[in-house]
Each structure stands twice: as C-alpha cells, then as structure tokens.
Amino acid sequence: MSLRGFPTFGFLRTVSFVHSAVYAALLACWLAPGLAPETLVLGWTHGLLWIAMSLLAILAARRRTIPYWLAVTVAVVGGLGPFAGTIGFVVQDRRRTRPMPV
C-alpha cells in the first residue's frame, strides 16, 4: 500500500470542514449550561483534529499538495479557530479551478 498521494487536497478540505463543524458545536455547547460531557468530548475531538490537521498540512505542504501559506494557517491559527483553515481551503480551491487567462 502506497501513501504517495496522501493527503490529497480534497481529503484535507473535507477534514477541515468537519473540524470547523466540530468547533462550532463546541462553541455552542460551551455557551449552553449543563452540557459538560458534550463539551468535554467535542473539546477533545477538536484538539485531536487540530493536531492531525497540523501534521497532515505540514506533510501536504512538503509534498506540494497545498501551498505553505495554507499549511501555516491550518497549523498556527487552527487551534484557536479552524474556520480560518476552512476559508483558506475554499480560497485555494477557487484559485485552482479558476480558468487560465488566454
């Protein structure tokens, strides 16, 4: 089994959106009283996803799957707000799919 093409841009984009959804749920649970168990689970999930995303983003940047600015956004800003990484993936996706000028 070869992992040469891993992680792909699409995989990272999908995990980034999942991470943002987990973080949004965490913020909602944090604001609502009496949801300590849910907050704990979502907090751990966010933390582990941030670590995994950081490592995968660094690997993807080294393999030139994503640009370095996006890897830095995911790894540095992602712990406090994964929405920045998700926005970065949307921006990069639009840059990749934009038609070339003639």
C-alpha atoms as a PDB file:
ATOM      1  CA  MET A   1       0.000   0.000   0.000  1.00  0.00           C
ATOM      2  CA  SER A   2       1.487   3.302  -1.091  1.00  0.00           C
ATOM      3  CA  LEU A   3       0.691   6.609   0.573  1.00  0.00           C
ATOM      4  CA  ARG A   4       2.458   8.750  -2.025  1.00  0.00           C
ATOM      5  CA  GLY A   5      -0.538  10.887  -2.917  1.00  0.00           C
ATOM      6  CA  PHE A   6      -1.772  11.149   0.671  1.00  0.00           C
ATOM      7  CA  PRO A   7      -3.043  13.514   1.915  1.00  0.00           C
ATOM      8  CA  THR A   8      -4.949  14.815  -1.069  1.00  0.00           C
ATOM      9  CA  PHE A   9      -6.291  18.330  -1.295  1.00  0.00           C
ATOM     10  CA  GLY A  10      -9.878  17.052  -1.264  1.00  0.00           C
ATOM     11  CA  PHE A  11      -9.281  14.929   1.829  1.00  0.00           C
ATOM     12  CA  LEU A  12      -7.748  17.858   3.713  1.00  0.00           C
ATOM     13  CA  ARG A  13     -10.568  20.178   2.625  1.00  0.00           C
ATOM     14  CA  THR A  14     -13.189  17.680   3.852  1.00  0.00           C
ATOM     15  CA  VAL A  15     -11.477  17.149   7.209  1.00  0.00           C
ATOM     16  CA  SER A  16     -11.162  20.918   7.576  1.00  0.00           C
ATOM     17  CA  PHE A  17     -14.909  21.342   7.112  1.00  0.00           C
ATOM     18  CA  VAL A  18     -15.562  18.551   9.657  1.00  0.00           C
ATOM     19  CA  HIS A  19     -13.153  20.229  12.079  1.00  0.00           C
ATOM     20  CA  SER A  20     -14.976  23.539  11.691  1.00  0.00           C
ATOM     21  CA  ALA A  21     -18.319  21.823  12.345  1.00  0.00           C
ATOM     22  CA  VAL A  22     -16.947  20.181  15.495  1.00  0.00           C
ATOM     23  CA  TYR A  23     -15.590  23.533  16.652  1.00  0.00           C
ATOM     24  CA  ALA A  24     -18.931  25.279  16.011  1.00  0.00           C
ATOM     25  CA  ALA A  25     -20.690  22.582  18.049  1.00  0.00           C
ATOM     26  CA  LEU A  26     -18.083  23.001  20.784  1.00  0.00           C
ATOM     27  CA  LEU A  27     -18.731  26.745  20.936  1.00  0.00           C
ATOM     28  CA  ALA A  28     -22.487  26.130  21.112  1.00  0.00           C
ATOM     29  CA  CYS A  29     -22.066  23.587  23.929  1.00  0.00           C
ATOM     30  CA  TRP A  30     -19.694  25.880  25.772  1.00  0.00           C
ATOM     31  CA  LEU A  31     -22.285  28.651  25.752  1.00  0.00           C
ATOM     32  CA  ALA A  32     -25.149  26.385  26.878  1.00  0.00           C
ATOM     33  CA  PRO A  33     -25.277  25.476  30.574  1.00  0.00           C
ATOM     34  CA  GLY A  34     -25.321  21.834  31.648  1.00  0.00           C
ATOM     35  CA  LEU A  35     -23.535  20.308  28.654  1.00  0.00           C
ATOM     36  CA  ALA A  36     -20.257  19.438  30.349  1.00  0.00           C
ATOM     37  CA  PRO A  37     -19.940  15.879  28.929  1.00  0.00           C
ATOM     38  CA  GLU A  38     -20.656  17.074  25.397  1.00  0.00           C
ATOM     39  CA  THR A  39     -18.234  19.951  25.807  1.00  0.00           C
ATOM     40  CA  LEU A  40     -15.537  17.541  27.000  1.00  0.00           C
ATOM     41  CA  VAL A  41     -15.998  15.178  24.050  1.00  0.00           C
ATOM     42  CA  LEU A  42     -16.119  17.992  21.496  1.00  0.00           C
ATOM     43  CA  GLY A  43     -13.110  19.675  23.111  1.00  0.00           C
ATOM     44  CA  TRP A  44     -11.022  16.512  22.846  1.00  0.00           C
ATOM     45  CA  THR A  45     -12.249  15.949  19.296  1.00  0.00           C
ATOM     46  CA  HIS A  46     -11.279  19.497  18.324  1.00  0.00           C
ATOM     47  CA  GLY A  47      -7.849  19.143  19.917  1.00  0.00           C
ATOM     48  CA  LEU A  48      -7.079  15.830  18.262  1.00  0.00           C
ATOM     49  CA  LEU A  49      -8.364  17.050  14.904  1.00  0.00           C
ATOM     50  CA  TRP A  50      -6.203  20.156  15.170  1.00  0.00           C
ATOM     51  CA  ILE A  51      -3.103  18.055  15.863  1.00  0.00           C
ATOM     52  CA  ALA A  52      -3.918  15.688  12.993  1.00  0.00           C
ATOM     53  CA  MET A  53      -4.705  18.550  10.614  1.00  0.00           C
ATOM     54  CA  SER A  54      -1.482  20.330  11.546  1.00  0.00           C
ATOM     55  CA  LEU A  55       0.644  17.269  10.853  1.00  0.00           C
ATOM     56  CA  LEU A  56      -1.193  16.464   7.625  1.00  0.00           C
ATOM     57  CA  ALA A  57      -0.996  20.090   6.439  1.00  0.00           C
ATOM     58  CA  ILE A  58       2.757  20.191   7.047  1.00  0.00           C
ATOM     59  CA  LEU A  59       3.156  16.903   5.167  1.00  0.00           C
ATOM     60  CA  ALA A  60       0.952  18.166   2.323  1.00  0.00           C
ATOM     61  CA  ALA A  61       2.950  21.393   2.081  1.00  0.00           C
ATOM     62  CA  ARG A  62       6.193  19.446   1.887  1.00  0.00           C
ATOM     63  CA  ARG A  63       4.686  17.330  -0.904  1.00  0.00           C
ATOM     64  CA  ARG A  64       3.415  20.499  -2.633  1.00  0.00           C
ATOM     65  CA  THR A  65      -0.204  19.404  -2.350  1.00  0.00           C
ATOM     66  CA  ILE A  66      -1.131  22.665  -0.636  1.00  0.00           C
ATOM     67  CA  PRO A  67       0.751  25.976  -0.512  1.00  0.00           C
ATOM     68  CA  TYR A  68       2.795  26.855   2.565  1.00  0.00           C
ATOM     69  CA  TRP A  69       0.521  29.769   3.496  1.00  0.00           C
ATOM     70  CA  LEU A  70      -2.384  27.353   3.833  1.00  0.00           C
ATOM     71  CA  ALA A  71      -0.367  24.904   5.939  1.00  0.00           C
ATOM     72  CA  VAL A  72       0.671  27.743   8.262  1.00  0.00           C
ATOM     73  CA  THR A  73      -2.936  28.924   8.542  1.00  0.00           C
ATOM     74  CA  VAL A  74      -4.129  25.421   9.448  1.00  0.00           C
ATOM     75  CA  ALA A  75      -1.295  24.671  11.875  1.00  0.00           C
ATOM     76  CA  VAL A  76      -0.979  28.030  13.634  1.00  0.00           C
ATOM     77  CA  VAL A  77      -4.453  29.566  13.558  1.00  0.00           C
ATOM     78  CA  GLY A  78      -6.363  26.262  13.501  1.00  0.00           C
ATOM     79  CA  GLY A  79      -6.065  25.682  17.233  1.00  0.00           C
ATOM     80  CA  LEU A  80      -7.961  28.864  18.037  1.00  0.00           C
ATOM     81  CA  GLY A  81     -10.301  28.922  15.076  1.00  0.00           C
ATOM     82  CA  PRO A  82     -10.362  26.218  12.420  1.00  0.00           C
ATOM     83  CA  PHE A  83     -12.683  28.409  10.357  1.00  0.00           C
ATOM     84  CA  ALA A  84      -9.588  30.223   9.057  1.00  0.00           C
ATOM     85  CA  GLY A  85      -8.231  26.974   7.629  1.00  0.00           C
ATOM     86  CA  THR A  86     -11.564  26.118   6.056  1.00  0.00           C
ATOM     87  CA  ILE A  87     -11.748  29.563   4.444  1.00  0.00           C
ATOM     88  CA  GLY A  88      -8.182  29.031   3.228  1.00  0.00           C
ATOM     89  CA  PHE A  89      -9.184  25.760   1.556  1.00  0.00           C
ATOM     90  CA  VAL A  90     -12.121  27.483  -0.161  1.00  0.00           C
ATOM     91  CA  VAL A  91      -9.836  30.273  -1.409  1.00  0.00           C
ATOM     92  CA  GLN A  92      -7.204  27.820  -2.655  1.00  0.00           C
ATOM     93  CA  ASP A  93      -9.851  25.628  -4.295  1.00  0.00           C
ATOM     94  CA  ARG A  94     -11.165  28.648  -6.210  1.00  0.00           C
ATOM     95  CA  ARG A  95      -7.633  29.559  -7.279  1.00  0.00           C
ATOM     96  CA  ARG A  96      -7.030  26.014  -8.524  1.00  0.00           C
ATOM     97  CA  THR A  97     -10.265  25.810 -10.513  1.00  0.00           C
ATOM     98  CA  ARG A  98     -10.155  29.301 -11.991  1.00  0.00           C
ATOM     99  CA  PRO A  99      -9.717  29.177 -15.772  1.00  0.00           C
ATOM    100  CA  MET A 100      -6.370  30.330 -17.084  1.00  0.00           C
ATOM    101  CA  PRO A 101      -6.409  33.675 -18.943  1.00  0.00           C
ATOM    102  CA  VAL A 102      -5.899  33.415 -22.662  1.00  0.00           C
END
